[in-house]
PDB file of N, CA and C in Angstrom:
ATOM      1  N   MET A   1      86.223  69.282  96.097  1.00  0.00           N
ATOM      2  CA  MET A   1      85.539  70.053  97.108  1.00  0.00           C
ATOM      3  C   MET A   1      86.351  71.322  97.380  1.00  0.00           C
ATOM      4  N   THR A   2      85.666  72.433  97.516  1.00  0.00           N
ATOM      5  CA  THR A   2      86.350  73.689  97.825  1.00  0.00           C
ATOM      6  C   THR A   2      85.742  74.314  99.069  1.00  0.00           C
ATOM      7  N   TYR A   3      86.502  75.233  99.631  1.00  0.00           N
ATOM      8  CA  TYR A   3      86.110  75.920 100.863  1.00  0.00           C
ATOM      9  C   TYR A   3      86.356  77.406 100.681  1.00  0.00           C
ATOM     10  N   GLU A   4      85.630  78.189 101.461  1.00  0.00           N
ATOM     11  CA  GLU A   4      85.912  79.613 101.496  1.00  0.00           C
ATOM     12  C   GLU A   4      85.813  80.107 102.933  1.00  0.00           C
ATOM     13  N   VAL A   5      86.556  81.168 103.204  1.00  0.00           N
ATOM     14  CA  VAL A   5      86.467  81.836 104.493  1.00  0.00           C
ATOM     15  C   VAL A   5      85.377  82.888 104.339  1.00  0.00           C
ATOM     16  N   GLN A   6      84.411  82.848 105.224  1.00  0.00           N
ATOM     17  CA  GLN A   6      83.312  83.804 105.160  1.00  0.00           C
ATOM     18  C   GLN A   6      83.344  84.728 106.373  1.00  0.00           C
ATOM     19  N   THR A   7      82.866  85.940 106.151  1.00  0.00           N
ATOM     20  CA  THR A   7      82.801  86.963 107.187  1.00  0.00           C
ATOM     21  C   THR A   7      81.335  87.319 107.426  1.00  0.00           C
ATOM     22  N   LEU A   8      80.982  87.452 108.683  1.00  0.00           N
ATOM     23  CA  LEU A   8      79.631  87.871 109.034  1.00  0.00           C
ATOM     24  C   LEU A   8      79.513  89.367 108.777  1.00  0.00           C
ATOM     25  N   THR A   9      78.603  89.727 107.886  1.00  0.00           N
ATOM     26  CA  THR A   9      78.383  91.137 107.558  1.00  0.00           C
ATOM     27  C   THR A   9      77.004  91.528 108.064  1.00  0.00           C
ATOM     28  N   HIS A  10      76.657  92.753 107.875  1.00  0.00           N
ATOM     29  CA  HIS A  10      75.361  93.223 108.354  1.00  0.00           C
ATOM     30  C   HIS A  10      74.378  93.258 107.210  1.00  0.00           C
ATOM     31  N   PRO A  11      73.192  92.877 107.364  1.00  0.00           N
ATOM     32  CA  PRO A  11      72.557  92.377 108.583  1.00  0.00           C
ATOM     33  C   PRO A  11      72.606  90.849 108.628  1.00  0.00           C
ATOM     34  N   ASP A  12      73.452  90.327 109.453  1.00  0.00           N
ATOM     35  CA  ASP A  12      73.560  88.888 109.729  1.00  0.00           C
ATOM     36  C   ASP A  12      73.655  88.038 108.461  1.00  0.00           C
ATOM     37  N   ARG A  13      74.541  88.429 107.596  1.00  0.00           N
ATOM     38  CA  ARG A  13      74.735  87.708 106.337  1.00  0.00           C
ATOM     39  C   ARG A  13      76.191  87.257 106.241  1.00  0.00           C
ATOM     40  N   TRP A  14      76.414  85.998 105.875  1.00  0.00           N
ATOM     41  CA  TRP A  14      77.758  85.466 105.687  1.00  0.00           C
ATOM     42  C   TRP A  14      78.172  85.653 104.239  1.00  0.00           C
ATOM     43  N   GLU A  15      79.369  86.230 104.024  1.00  0.00           N
ATOM     44  CA  GLU A  15      79.870  86.470 102.672  1.00  0.00           C
ATOM     45  C   GLU A  15      81.348  86.118 102.595  1.00  0.00           C
ATOM     46  N   ASN A  16      81.761  85.706 101.401  1.00  0.00           N
ATOM     47  CA  ASN A  16      83.177  85.504 101.147  1.00  0.00           C
ATOM     48  C   ASN A  16      83.769  86.859 100.796  1.00  0.00           C
ATOM     49  N   THR A  17      84.453  87.465 101.747  1.00  0.00           N
ATOM     50  CA  THR A  17      85.072  88.766 101.498  1.00  0.00           C
ATOM     51  C   THR A  17      86.569  88.636 101.215  1.00  0.00           C
ATOM     52  N   TRP A  18      87.079  87.402 101.171  1.00  0.00           N
ATOM     53  CA  TRP A  18      88.485  87.165 100.830  1.00  0.00           C
ATOM     54  C   TRP A  18      88.639  87.348  99.330  1.00  0.00           C
ATOM     55  N   SER A  19      89.603  88.126  98.890  1.00  0.00           N
ATOM     56  CA  SER A  19      89.845  88.291  97.462  1.00  0.00           C
ATOM     57  C   SER A  19      91.343  88.350  97.205  1.00  0.00           C
ATOM     58  N   ASP A  20      91.714  87.956  95.976  1.00  0.00           N
ATOM     59  CA  ASP A  20      93.133  88.037  95.644  1.00  0.00           C
ATOM     60  C   ASP A  20      93.498  89.480  95.341  1.00  0.00           C
ATOM     61  N   SER A  21      94.760  89.793  95.476  1.00  0.00           N
ATOM     62  CA  SER A  21      95.191  91.183  95.335  1.00  0.00           C
ATOM     63  C   SER A  21      95.402  91.593  93.879  1.00  0.00           C
ATOM     64  N   LEU A  22      95.433  90.639  92.968  1.00  0.00           N
ATOM     65  CA  LEU A  22      95.702  90.979  91.569  1.00  0.00           C
ATOM     66  C   LEU A  22      94.455  91.422  90.817  1.00  0.00           C
ATOM     67  N   ASN A  23      93.383  90.648  90.912  1.00  0.00           N
ATOM     68  CA  ASN A  23      92.202  91.016  90.132  1.00  0.00           C
ATOM     69  C   ASN A  23      90.924  91.036  90.965  1.00  0.00           C
ATOM     70  N   ASP A  24      91.080  91.039  92.272  1.00  0.00           N
ATOM     71  CA  ASP A  24      89.955  91.231  93.194  1.00  0.00           C
ATOM     72  C   ASP A  24      88.847  90.178  93.040  1.00  0.00           C
ATOM     73  N   THR A  25      89.243  88.938  92.729  1.00  0.00           N
ATOM     74  CA  THR A  25      88.257  87.857  92.635  1.00  0.00           C
ATOM     75  C   THR A  25      88.212  87.100  93.958  1.00  0.00           C
ATOM     76  N   PRO A  26      87.056  86.552  94.298  1.00  0.00           N
ATOM     77  CA  PRO A  26      86.931  85.808  95.558  1.00  0.00           C
ATOM     78  C   PRO A  26      87.899  84.619  95.608  1.00  0.00           C
ATOM     79  N   VAL A  27      88.472  84.401  96.781  1.00  0.00           N
ATOM     80  CA  VAL A  27      89.424  83.306  96.974  1.00  0.00           C
ATOM     81  C   VAL A  27      88.685  82.085  97.496  1.00  0.00           C
ATOM     82  N   ARG A  28      88.991  80.950  96.912  1.00  0.00           N
ATOM     83  CA  ARG A  28      88.501  79.660  97.392  1.00  0.00           C
ATOM     84  C   ARG A  28      89.705  78.768  97.626  1.00  0.00           C
ATOM     85  N   PHE A  29      89.561  77.844  98.541  1.00  0.00           N
ATOM     86  CA  PHE A  29      90.662  76.980  98.947  1.00  0.00           C
ATOM     87  C   PHE A  29      90.343  75.535  98.593  1.00  0.00           C
ATOM     88  N   ASP A  30      91.377  74.795  98.181  1.00  0.00           N
ATOM     89  CA  ASP A  30      91.198  73.392  97.793  1.00  0.00           C
ATOM     90  C   ASP A  30      90.978  72.478  98.985  1.00  0.00           C
ATOM     91  N   THR A  31      91.489  72.893 100.157  1.00  0.00           N
ATOM     92  CA  THR A  31      91.353  72.056 101.348  1.00  0.00           C
ATOM     93  C   THR A  31      90.879  72.896 102.531  1.00  0.00           C
ATOM     94  N   TYR A  32      90.270  72.217 103.482  1.00  0.00           N
ATOM     95  CA  TYR A  32      89.852  72.871 104.717  1.00  0.00           C
ATOM     96  C   TYR A  32      91.072  73.424 105.443  1.00  0.00           C
ATOM     97  N   GLU A  33      92.150  72.661 105.432  1.00  0.00           N
ATOM     98  CA  GLU A  33      93.367  73.069 106.138  1.00  0.00           C
ATOM     99  C   GLU A  33      93.943  74.363 105.569  1.00  0.00           C
ATOM    100  N   ALA A  34      93.898  74.517 104.250  1.00  0.00           N
ATOM    101  CA  ALA A  34      94.410  75.746 103.633  1.00  0.00           C
ATOM    102  C   ALA A  34      93.561  76.944 104.055  1.00  0.00           C
ATOM    103  N   ALA A  35      92.248  76.771 104.086  1.00  0.00           N
ATOM    104  CA  ALA A  35      91.360  77.846 104.539  1.00  0.00           C
ATOM    105  C   ALA A  35      91.605  78.155 106.005  1.00  0.00           C
ATOM    106  N   GLN A  36      91.786  77.111 106.794  1.00  0.00           N
ATOM    107  CA  GLN A  36      92.030  77.276 108.227  1.00  0.00           C
ATOM    108  C   GLN A  36      93.342  78.018 108.474  1.00  0.00           C
ATOM    109  N   ASP A  37      94.379  77.700 107.720  1.00  0.00           N
ATOM    110  CA  ASP A  37      95.659  78.399 107.859  1.00  0.00           C
ATOM    111  C   ASP A  37      95.532  79.876 107.506  1.00  0.00           C
ATOM    112  N   GLU A  38      94.827  80.165 106.425  1.00  0.00           N
ATOM    113  CA  GLU A  38      94.626  81.558 106.010  1.00  0.00           C
ATOM    114  C   GLU A  38      93.850  82.338 107.071  1.00  0.00           C
ATOM    115  N   LEU A  39      92.805  81.728 107.600  1.00  0.00           N
ATOM    116  CA  LEU A  39      92.011  82.391 108.633  1.00  0.00           C
ATOM    117  C   LEU A  39      92.830  82.591 109.904  1.00  0.00           C
ATOM    118  N   ALA A  40      93.603  81.606 110.286  1.00  0.00           N
ATOM    119  CA  ALA A  40      94.436  81.731 111.490  1.00  0.00           C
ATOM    120  C   ALA A  40      95.431  82.877 111.335  1.00  0.00           C
ATOM    121  N   ASP A  41      96.043  83.001 110.159  1.00  0.00           N
ATOM    122  CA  ASP A  41      96.967  84.109 109.909  1.00  0.00           C
ATOM    123  C   ASP A  41      96.252  85.453 110.020  1.00  0.00           C
ATOM    124  N   HIS A  42      95.066  85.520 109.471  1.00  0.00           N
ATOM    125  CA  HIS A  42      94.284  86.761 109.520  1.00  0.00           C
ATOM    126  C   HIS A  42      93.940  87.127 110.964  1.00  0.00           C
ATOM    127  N   LEU A  43      93.497  86.150 111.742  1.00  0.00           N
ATOM    128  CA  LEU A  43      93.122  86.425 113.129  1.00  0.00           C
ATOM    129  C   LEU A  43      94.339  86.829 113.967  1.00  0.00           C
ATOM    130  N   ARG A  44      95.494  86.237 113.684  1.00  0.00           N
ATOM    131  CA  ARG A  44      96.726  86.665 114.369  1.00  0.00           C
ATOM    132  C   ARG A  44      97.053  88.117 114.029  1.00  0.00           C
ATOM    133  N   ALA A  45      96.896  88.477 112.774  1.00  0.00           N
ATOM    134  CA  ALA A  45      97.169  89.857 112.354  1.00  0.00           C
ATOM    135  C   ALA A  45      96.182  90.825 113.010  1.00  0.00           C
ATOM    136  N   MET A  46      94.939  90.411 113.127  1.00  0.00           N
ATOM    137  CA  MET A  46      93.940  91.262 113.783  1.00  0.00           C
ATOM    138  C   MET A  46      94.287  91.442 115.262  1.00  0.00           C
ATOM    139  N   ALA A  47      94.668  90.375 115.937  1.00  0.00           N
ATOM    140  CA  ALA A  47      95.040  90.458 117.349  1.00  0.00           C
ATOM    141  C   ALA A  47      96.244  91.382 117.532  1.00  0.00           C
ATOM    142  N   TYR A  48      97.200  91.281 116.635  1.00  0.00           N
ATOM    143  CA  TYR A  48      98.376  92.153 116.697  1.00  0.00           C
ATOM    144  C   TYR A  48      97.970  93.620 116.502  1.00  0.00           C
ATOM    145  N   ALA A  49      97.074  93.879 115.555  1.00  0.00           N
ATOM    146  CA  ALA A  49      96.621  95.251 115.301  1.00  0.00           C
ATOM    147  C   ALA A  49      95.924  95.832 116.528  1.00  0.00           C
ATOM    148  N   VAL A  50      95.152  95.013 117.231  1.00  0.00           N
ATOM    149  CA  VAL A  50      94.501  95.472 118.467  1.00  0.00           C
ATOM    150  C   VAL A  50      95.562  95.783 119.514  1.00  0.00           C
ATOM    151  N   LYS A  51      96.510  94.876 119.662  1.00  0.00           N
ATOM    152  CA  LYS A  51      97.567  95.051 120.667  1.00  0.00           C
ATOM    153  C   LYS A  51      98.386  96.323 120.408  1.00  0.00           C
ATOM    154  N   GLN A  52      98.612  96.636 119.142  1.00  0.00           N
ATOM    155  CA  GLN A  52      99.397  97.820 118.778  1.00  0.00           C
ATOM    156  C   GLN A  52      98.566  99.102 118.763  1.00  0.00           C
ATOM    157  N   GLY A  53      97.252  98.975 118.938  1.00  0.00           N
ATOM    158  CA  GLY A  53      96.393 100.155 118.960  1.00  0.00           C
ATOM    159  C   GLY A  53      95.919 100.608 117.590  1.00  0.00           C
ATOM    160  N   TYR A  54      96.153  99.804 116.553  1.00  0.00           N
ATOM    161  CA  TYR A  54      95.711 100.160 115.201  1.00  0.00           C
ATOM    162  C   TYR A  54      94.248  99.807 114.955  1.00  0.00           C
ATOM    163  N   LEU A  55      93.723  98.930 115.776  1.00  0.00           N
ATOM    164  CA  LEU A  55      92.355  98.461 115.642  1.00  0.00           C
ATOM    165  C   LEU A  55      91.745  98.408 117.024  1.00  0.00           C
ATOM    166  N   GLU A  56      90.524  98.848 117.142  1.00  0.00           N
ATOM    167  CA  GLU A  56      89.892  98.887 118.460  1.00  0.00           C
ATOM    168  C   GLU A  56      89.567  97.493 118.975  1.00  0.00           C
ATOM    169  N   ASP A  57      88.979  96.657 118.119  1.00  0.00           N
ATOM    170  CA  ASP A  57      88.568  95.321 118.538  1.00  0.00           C
ATOM    171  C   ASP A  57      88.190  94.511 117.313  1.00  0.00           C
ATOM    172  N   TYR A  58      88.040  93.226 117.494  1.00  0.00           N
ATOM    173  CA  TYR A  58      87.538  92.337 116.457  1.00  0.00           C
ATOM    174  C   TYR A  58      86.915  91.134 117.146  1.00  0.00           C
ATOM    175  N   ASN A  59      86.097  90.393 116.420  1.00  0.00           N
ATOM    176  CA  ASN A  59      85.424  89.234 116.983  1.00  0.00           C
ATOM    177  C   ASN A  59      85.715  88.012 116.113  1.00  0.00           C
ATOM    178  N   PRO A  60      86.504  87.067 116.611  1.00  0.00           N
ATOM    179  CA  PRO A  60      86.816  85.875 115.814  1.00  0.00           C
ATOM    180  C   PRO A  60      85.585  85.083 115.382  1.00  0.00           C
ATOM    181  N   SER A  61      84.487  85.201 116.122  1.00  0.00           N
ATOM    182  CA  SER A  61      83.284  84.458 115.739  1.00  0.00           C
ATOM    183  C   SER A  61      82.580  85.087 114.525  1.00  0.00           C
ATOM    184  N   ASP A  62      83.101  86.201 114.027  1.00  0.00           N
ATOM    185  CA  ASP A  62      82.572  86.806 112.806  1.00  0.00           C
ATOM    186  C   ASP A  62      83.158  86.166 111.549  1.00  0.00           C
ATOM    187  N   TYR A  63      83.916  85.089 111.717  1.00  0.00           N
ATOM    188  CA  TYR A  63      84.544  84.393 110.614  1.00  0.00           C
ATOM    189  C   TYR A  63      84.234  82.899 110.700  1.00  0.00           C
ATOM    190  N   ARG A  64      84.092  82.287 109.534  1.00  0.00           N
ATOM    191  CA  ARG A  64      83.883  80.852 109.502  1.00  0.00           C
ATOM    192  C   ARG A  64      84.420  80.294 108.189  1.00  0.00           C
ATOM    193  N   ILE A  65      84.611  78.985 108.173  1.00  0.00           N
ATOM    194  CA  ILE A  65      85.008  78.291 106.964  1.00  0.00           C
ATOM    195  C   ILE A  65      83.806  77.495 106.488  1.00  0.00           C
ATOM    196  N   GLN A  66      83.461  77.689 105.228  1.00  0.00           N
ATOM    197  CA  GLN A  66      82.275  77.050 104.663  1.00  0.00           C
ATOM    198  C   GLN A  66      82.663  76.130 103.496  1.00  0.00           C
ATOM    199  N   LYS A  67      82.178  74.913 103.543  1.00  0.00           N
ATOM    200  CA  LYS A  67      82.377  73.976 102.435  1.00  0.00           C
ATOM    201  C   LYS A  67      81.388  74.342 101.344  1.00  0.00           C
ATOM    202  N   LEU A  68      81.859  74.345 100.105  1.00  0.00           N
ATOM    203  CA  LEU A  68      80.986  74.690  98.968  1.00  0.00           C
ATOM    204  C   LEU A  68      80.545  73.445  98.228  1.00  0.00           C
TER     205      LEU A  68
END
């Protein structure tokens, strides 16, 4: 079983926008916990960017973990 982190895009469509930095392929995770850890790290980074003034805002509900 695999999982992916999905982002809500417009118009109201969920997509896997996570990609690896080497060849830009979509990232999938072997466990829910691995996907959850990756998403938690991303949301922490987003919160920090808002706090530092680099990002205006973000919405954590625009992200989800989907079982494939």
